[in-house]
C-alpha atoms as a PDB file:
ATOM      1  CA  MET A   1       0.000   0.000   0.000  1.00  0.00           C
ATOM      2  CA  ASP A   2       2.880   2.386   0.736  1.00  0.00           C
ATOM      3  CA  GLU A   3       4.254   1.781  -2.767  1.00  0.00           C
ATOM      4  CA  LEU A   4       0.917   2.774  -4.270  1.00  0.00           C
ATOM      5  CA  PHE A   5       0.790   5.901  -2.098  1.00  0.00           C
ATOM      6  CA  ASP A   6       4.317   6.828  -3.213  1.00  0.00           C
ATOM      7  CA  LEU A   7       3.370   6.339  -6.859  1.00  0.00           C
ATOM      8  CA  TYR A   8       0.265   8.488  -6.423  1.00  0.00           C
ATOM      9  CA  GLN A   9       2.290  11.208  -4.736  1.00  0.00           C
ATOM     10  CA  GLU A  10       4.839  11.099  -7.554  1.00  0.00           C
ATOM     11  CA  ILE A  11       2.104  11.505 -10.194  1.00  0.00           C
ATOM     12  CA  ILE A  12       0.581  14.497  -8.393  1.00  0.00           C
ATOM     13  CA  LEU A  13       3.956  16.180  -7.916  1.00  0.00           C
ATOM     14  CA  ASP A  14       4.871  15.623 -11.572  1.00  0.00           C
ATOM     15  CA  HIS A  15       1.613  17.121 -12.855  1.00  0.00           C
ATOM     16  CA  ASN A  16       1.993  20.052 -10.465  1.00  0.00           C
ATOM     17  CA  LYS A  17       5.562  20.816 -11.539  1.00  0.00           C
ATOM     18  CA  ARG A  18       4.991  20.116 -15.237  1.00  0.00           C
ATOM     19  CA  PRO A  19       1.278  20.552 -15.870  1.00  0.00           C
ATOM     20  CA  ARG A  20       0.064  19.371 -19.246  1.00  0.00           C
ATOM     21  CA  ASN A  21      -2.003  21.727 -21.429  1.00  0.00           C
ATOM     22  CA  PHE A  22      -1.221  24.659 -19.103  1.00  0.00           C
ATOM     23  CA  HIS A  23      -1.923  27.715 -21.257  1.00  0.00           C
ATOM     24  CA  ALA A  24      -4.752  29.879 -22.488  1.00  0.00           C
ATOM     25  CA  LEU A  25      -6.320  28.356 -25.570  1.00  0.00           C
ATOM     26  CA  GLU A  26      -6.774  31.027 -28.239  1.00  0.00           C
ATOM     27  CA  THR A  27      -9.169  28.850 -30.268  1.00  0.00           C
ATOM     28  CA  ALA A  28     -11.471  28.151 -27.312  1.00  0.00           C
ATOM     29  CA  THR A  29     -15.173  28.151 -28.082  1.00  0.00           C
ATOM     30  CA  HIS A  30     -16.116  27.623 -24.426  1.00  0.00           C
ATOM     31  CA  ARG A  31     -14.463  28.616 -21.180  1.00  0.00           C
ATOM     32  CA  ALA A  32     -15.243  28.790 -17.492  1.00  0.00           C
ATOM     33  CA  GLU A  33     -13.512  30.020 -14.377  1.00  0.00           C
ATOM     34  CA  GLY A  34     -13.279  27.894 -11.268  1.00  0.00           C
ATOM     35  CA  ASN A  35     -12.733  29.399  -7.853  1.00  0.00           C
ATOM     36  CA  ASN A  36     -12.032  27.695  -4.534  1.00  0.00           C
ATOM     37  CA  PRO A  37     -11.946  30.578  -2.027  1.00  0.00           C
ATOM     38  CA  LEU A  38     -11.066  28.288   0.878  1.00  0.00           C
ATOM     39  CA  CYS A  39      -7.740  27.276  -0.670  1.00  0.00           C
ATOM     40  CA  GLY A  40      -7.222  30.213  -3.034  1.00  0.00           C
ATOM     41  CA  ASP A  41      -7.327  28.075  -6.190  1.00  0.00           C
ATOM     42  CA  GLN A  42      -8.372  29.987  -9.313  1.00  0.00           C
ATOM     43  CA  LEU A  43      -8.425  28.178 -12.656  1.00  0.00           C
ATOM     44  CA  GLN A  44      -9.760  28.827 -16.122  1.00  0.00           C
ATOM     45  CA  VAL A  45     -10.686  25.879 -18.320  1.00  0.00           C
ATOM     46  CA  PHE A  46     -10.670  26.413 -22.086  1.00  0.00           C
ATOM     47  CA  LEU A  47     -12.449  24.100 -24.531  1.00  0.00           C
ATOM     48  CA  GLU A  48     -12.488  23.957 -28.285  1.00  0.00           C
ATOM     49  CA  LEU A  49     -15.705  22.111 -29.084  1.00  0.00           C
ATOM     50  CA  GLN A  50     -16.302  20.988 -32.640  1.00  0.00           C
ATOM     51  CA  ASP A  51     -18.767  18.412 -33.954  1.00  0.00           C
ATOM     52  CA  ASN A  52     -19.806  17.486 -30.392  1.00  0.00           C
ATOM     53  CA  ARG A  53     -16.201  16.594 -29.512  1.00  0.00           C
ATOM     54  CA  ILE A  54     -13.580  18.278 -27.342  1.00  0.00           C
ATOM     55  CA  ARG A  55     -10.979  18.928 -30.013  1.00  0.00           C
ATOM     56  CA  ASN A  56      -8.682  20.768 -27.628  1.00  0.00           C
ATOM     57  CA  VAL A  57      -8.610  21.655 -23.952  1.00  0.00           C
ATOM     58  CA  SER A  58      -6.319  23.604 -21.669  1.00  0.00           C
ATOM     59  CA  PHE A  59      -6.272  25.357 -18.333  1.00  0.00           C
ATOM     60  CA  TRP A  60      -4.569  28.322 -16.773  1.00  0.00           C
ATOM     61  CA  GLY A  61      -4.392  29.726 -13.278  1.00  0.00           C
ATOM     62  CA  GLU A  62      -3.017  29.434  -9.791  1.00  0.00           C
ATOM     63  CA  GLY A  63      -3.651  26.772  -7.236  1.00  0.00           C
ATOM     64  CA  CYS A  64      -2.323  24.197  -4.857  1.00  0.00           C
ATOM     65  CA  ALA A  65      -0.536  21.077  -6.086  1.00  0.00           C
ATOM     66  CA  ILE A  66      -3.724  19.008  -5.991  1.00  0.00           C
ATOM     67  CA  SER A  67      -5.842  21.446  -8.004  1.00  0.00           C
ATOM     68  CA  LYS A  68      -3.141  21.968 -10.619  1.00  0.00           C
ATOM     69  CA  ALA A  69      -2.412  18.234 -10.923  1.00  0.00           C
ATOM     70  CA  SER A  70      -6.123  17.466 -11.163  1.00  0.00           C
ATOM     71  CA  ALA A  71      -6.585  20.034 -13.939  1.00  0.00           C
ATOM     72  CA  SER A  72      -3.605  18.636 -15.818  1.00  0.00           C
ATOM     73  CA  LEU A  73      -4.888  15.062 -15.523  1.00  0.00           C
ATOM     74  CA  MET A  74      -8.369  16.233 -16.525  1.00  0.00           C
ATOM     75  CA  THR A  75      -7.131  17.801 -19.762  1.00  0.00           C
ATOM     76  CA  MET A  76      -5.346  14.596 -20.704  1.00  0.00           C
ATOM     77  CA  ALA A  77      -8.421  12.485 -19.945  1.00  0.00           C
ATOM     78  CA  VAL A  78     -10.891  14.459 -22.060  1.00  0.00           C
ATOM     79  CA  LYS A  79      -8.883  15.794 -24.993  1.00  0.00           C
ATOM     80  CA  GLY A  80     -10.227  14.499 -28.304  1.00  0.00           C
ATOM     81  CA  LYS A  81     -13.220  12.720 -26.781  1.00  0.00           C
ATOM     82  CA  PRO A  82     -16.904  13.112 -27.678  1.00  0.00           C
ATOM     83  CA  VAL A  83     -18.902  15.255 -25.255  1.00  0.00           C
ATOM     84  CA  ASP A  84     -21.143  12.360 -24.155  1.00  0.00           C
ATOM     85  CA  GLU A  85     -18.071  10.295 -23.226  1.00  0.00           C
ATOM     86  CA  VAL A  86     -16.583  13.281 -21.380  1.00  0.00           C
ATOM     87  CA  GLU A  87     -19.822  13.672 -19.407  1.00  0.00           C
ATOM     88  CA  GLN A  88     -19.572  10.023 -18.377  1.00  0.00           C
ATOM     89  CA  ILE A  89     -15.906  10.398 -17.360  1.00  0.00           C
ATOM     90  CA  LEU A  90     -16.785  13.565 -15.455  1.00  0.00           C
ATOM     91  CA  GLY A  91     -19.494  11.799 -13.461  1.00  0.00           C
ATOM     92  CA  GLU A  92     -17.288   8.810 -12.680  1.00  0.00           C
ATOM     93  CA  VAL A  93     -14.341  10.947 -11.579  1.00  0.00           C
ATOM     94  CA  LEU A  94     -16.478  13.180  -9.364  1.00  0.00           C
ATOM     95  CA  SER A  95     -18.050  10.077  -7.773  1.00  0.00           C
ATOM     96  CA  MET A  96     -14.611   8.586  -7.197  1.00  0.00           C
ATOM     97  CA  LEU A  97     -13.261  11.790  -5.641  1.00  0.00           C
ATOM     98  CA  THR A  98     -16.231  12.313  -3.331  1.00  0.00           C
ATOM     99  CA  GLY A  99     -16.780   8.656  -2.415  1.00  0.00           C
ATOM    100  CA  SER A 100     -15.943   6.911   0.810  1.00  0.00           C
ATOM    101  CA  PRO A 101     -12.219   6.643   1.601  1.00  0.00           C
ATOM    102  CA  ASP A 102     -12.781   2.915   2.172  1.00  0.00           C
ATOM    103  CA  THR A 103     -14.109   2.279  -1.344  1.00  0.00           C
ATOM    104  CA  PRO A 104     -11.390   0.789  -3.539  1.00  0.00           C
ATOM    105  CA  VAL A 105     -10.515   2.645  -6.730  1.00  0.00           C
ATOM    106  CA  ALA A 106     -10.353   0.672  -9.972  1.00  0.00           C
ATOM    107  CA  LEU A 107      -6.898   1.544 -11.275  1.00  0.00           C
ATOM    108  CA  ASP A 108      -7.635   0.112 -14.704  1.00  0.00           C
ATOM    109  CA  GLU A 109     -10.677   2.376 -14.961  1.00  0.00           C
ATOM    110  CA  PHE A 110      -9.127   5.630 -13.737  1.00  0.00           C
ATOM    111  CA  GLY A 111      -5.438   5.314 -14.599  1.00  0.00           C
ATOM    112  CA  ASP A 112      -3.344   8.190 -13.260  1.00  0.00           C
ATOM    113  CA  ILE A 113      -6.502  10.031 -12.157  1.00  0.00           C
ATOM    114  CA  ALA A 114      -6.712   7.447  -9.365  1.00  0.00           C
ATOM    115  CA  SER A 115      -3.744   9.248  -7.808  1.00  0.00           C
ATOM    116  CA  LEU A 116      -6.213  11.918  -6.676  1.00  0.00           C
ATOM    117  CA  SER A 117      -8.311   9.436  -4.683  1.00  0.00           C
ATOM    118  CA  GLY A 118      -6.270  10.087  -1.547  1.00  0.00           C
ATOM    119  CA  VAL A 119      -8.116  13.383  -1.076  1.00  0.00           C
ATOM    120  CA  ARG A 120     -11.132  11.410   0.128  1.00  0.00           C
ATOM    121  CA  GLN A 121      -9.334  11.075   3.464  1.00  0.00           C
ATOM    122  CA  PHE A 122      -9.083  14.877   3.719  1.00  0.00           C
ATOM    123  CA  PRO A 123     -12.532  16.381   3.032  1.00  0.00           C
ATOM    124  CA  VAL A 124     -11.209  19.947   2.778  1.00  0.00           C
ATOM    125  CA  ARG A 125      -8.938  18.864  -0.119  1.00  0.00           C
ATOM    126  CA  ILE A 126     -11.774  17.297  -2.146  1.00  0.00           C
ATOM    127  CA  LYS A 127     -12.719  20.767  -3.410  1.00  0.00           C
ATOM    128  CA  CYS A 128      -9.155  21.243  -4.682  1.00  0.00           C
ATOM    129  CA  ALA A 129      -9.315  18.003  -6.659  1.00  0.00           C
ATOM    130  CA  THR A 130     -12.801  18.597  -8.069  1.00  0.00           C
ATOM    131  CA  LEU A 131     -12.419  22.274  -9.030  1.00  0.00           C
ATOM    132  CA  ALA A 132     -11.132  21.733 -12.585  1.00  0.00           C
ATOM    133  CA  TRP A 133     -13.752  19.046 -13.204  1.00  0.00           C
ATOM    134  CA  HIS A 134     -16.553  21.382 -12.110  1.00  0.00           C
ATOM    135  CA  ALA A 135     -15.100  24.123 -14.327  1.00  0.00           C
ATOM    136  CA  LEU A 136     -15.025  21.645 -17.223  1.00  0.00           C
ATOM    137  CA  ASP A 137     -18.697  20.862 -16.617  1.00  0.00           C
ATOM    138  CA  ALA A 138     -19.552  24.576 -16.459  1.00  0.00           C
ATOM    139  CA  ALA A 139     -17.661  25.284 -19.706  1.00  0.00           C
ATOM    140  CA  MET A 140     -19.464  22.460 -21.519  1.00  0.00           C
ATOM    141  CA  ASP A 141     -22.790  23.864 -20.267  1.00  0.00           C
ATOM    142  CA  GLY A 142     -21.892  27.362 -21.479  1.00  0.00           C
ATOM    143  CA  LYS A 143     -21.569  28.780 -17.967  1.00  0.00           C
ATOM    144  CA  LYS A 144     -18.812  31.290 -17.275  1.00  0.00           C
ATOM    145  CA  ALA A 145     -17.894  30.501 -13.690  1.00  0.00           C
ATOM    146  CA  VAL A 146     -18.210  28.005 -10.883  1.00  0.00           C
ATOM    147  CA  SER A 147     -17.221  28.153  -7.232  1.00  0.00           C
ATOM    148  CA  THR A 148     -16.712  25.379  -4.736  1.00  0.00           C
ATOM    149  CA  GLU A 149     -18.409  27.458  -2.048  1.00  0.00           C
END
């Protein structure tokens, strides 16, 4: 179990230090801001939607290691996918992140996103991990902003 925890920690630190898709997307057709006032996280999620598919996605902003890593992992998970598949992924990830700490996480289902499951043991950190996902949902729905408060 300690080896798995170490691997998860390594994934989060890597995505925090070298976030993927970390830039404003000039071709964005949809965007939303996410704000977590408790932690000070502020992210913008940019989507380029075309033919009911997320052709491109990025994020920009400031936040703790968990929020930045989660946003980075989120962009990798949804890029190039049809919107209906992204909605399914979104629901599954949010359920995983807000579920009971005792519920096992299917590594084959979540891949590196499973590294965020440790936040379930720290309820105040759940909002950090879910912020980018809520902003993604808001952007897909055409909303401009979302807050975890």
